[in-house]
């Protein structure tokens, strides 16, 4: 048998196997109840929070985000 033909048959066989493997995937369906999302400012129940932030206080949460953005994520304020 011609080596080129042998390689072509091998590639074709591997391609067919790959296609058949893709057809055997099990469906992924959501069956759990799951946790409902809540507003971020309501907290996580963890004791590790930023100082000055009060759990459940939306204004305090927004102020913490503004402060964090200005102090650590604003490259213009770091340039000085």
Protein backbone atom coordinates (compact mmCIF):
# COMPACT_ATOMS: atom_id res chain seq x y z
CA UNK A 1 0.00 0.00 0.00
CA UNK A 2 1.23 3.48 -0.89
CA UNK A 3 2.51 5.40 2.22
CA UNK A 4 0.62 8.55 1.16
CA UNK A 5 -2.59 6.58 0.82
CA UNK A 6 -1.98 4.92 4.18
CA UNK A 7 -1.52 8.33 5.83
CA UNK A 8 -4.67 9.66 4.13
CA UNK A 9 -6.73 6.71 5.39
CA UNK A 10 -5.35 7.24 8.90
CA UNK A 11 -6.24 10.95 8.86
CA UNK A 12 -9.72 10.14 7.57
CA UNK A 13 -10.24 7.52 10.28
CA UNK A 14 -9.10 9.92 13.02
CA UNK A 15 -11.39 12.64 11.67
CA UNK A 16 -14.34 10.24 11.72
CA UNK A 17 -13.55 9.22 15.29
CA UNK A 18 -13.33 12.86 16.39
CA UNK A 19 -16.71 13.60 14.80
CA UNK A 20 -18.32 10.62 16.48
CA UNK A 21 -16.85 11.59 19.84
CA UNK A 22 -18.45 15.03 19.54
CA UNK A 23 -21.86 13.44 18.99
CA UNK A 24 -21.71 11.54 22.26
CA UNK A 25 -21.68 14.57 24.57
CA UNK A 26 -24.31 14.43 27.28
CA UNK A 27 -26.80 17.33 27.42
CA UNK A 28 -26.10 19.88 30.15
CA UNK A 29 -29.32 20.93 31.81
CA UNK A 30 -29.82 22.97 34.97
CA UNK A 31 -31.64 20.90 37.57
CA UNK A 32 -30.69 22.60 40.84
CA UNK A 33 -32.59 25.25 42.71
CA UNK A 34 -29.60 27.54 43.04
CA UNK A 35 -29.14 30.65 45.13
CA UNK A 36 -30.93 33.80 44.04
CA UNK A 37 -28.73 36.83 43.49
CA UNK A 38 -29.05 39.79 45.81
CA UNK A 39 -27.73 43.33 45.74
CA UNK A 40 -23.97 43.56 46.33
CA UNK A 41 -24.33 46.10 49.14
CA UNK A 42 -26.28 43.57 51.23
CA UNK A 43 -23.01 41.76 51.94
CA UNK A 44 -21.89 38.15 51.88
CA UNK A 45 -22.24 37.23 55.51
CA UNK A 46 -18.45 37.28 55.92
CA UNK A 47 -16.78 39.20 58.74
CA UNK A 48 -14.03 40.38 56.37
CA UNK A 49 -15.24 43.71 55.04
CA UNK A 50 -13.59 47.01 54.21
CA UNK A 51 -13.31 49.37 57.17
CA UNK A 52 -16.02 52.04 57.09
CA UNK A 53 -18.50 49.96 55.11
CA UNK A 54 -21.77 49.04 56.81
CA UNK A 55 -23.57 45.93 55.55
CA UNK A 56 -26.89 46.83 53.95
CA UNK A 57 -26.10 50.54 53.52
CA UNK A 58 -26.19 51.32 49.79
CA UNK A 59 -24.70 54.82 50.19
CA UNK A 60 -21.79 53.46 52.20
CA UNK A 61 -21.22 50.76 49.53
CA UNK A 62 -21.14 53.33 46.73
CA UNK A 63 -18.73 55.52 48.70
CA UNK A 64 -16.39 52.56 49.23
CA UNK A 65 -16.42 51.82 45.48
CA UNK A 66 -15.60 55.45 44.64
CA UNK A 67 -12.80 55.52 47.20
CA UNK A 68 -11.34 52.23 45.95
CA UNK A 69 -11.43 53.45 42.37
CA UNK A 70 -9.71 56.74 43.22
CA UNK A 71 -7.04 55.24 45.49
CA UNK A 72 -6.07 52.06 43.71
CA UNK A 73 -7.47 51.90 40.19
CA UNK A 74 -6.94 55.45 38.95
CA UNK A 75 -3.56 55.61 37.21
CA UNK A 76 -3.75 59.39 36.85
CA UNK A 77 -3.69 59.87 40.61
CA UNK A 78 -0.67 57.55 40.88
CA UNK A 79 1.41 59.50 38.36
CA UNK A 80 2.42 62.22 40.84
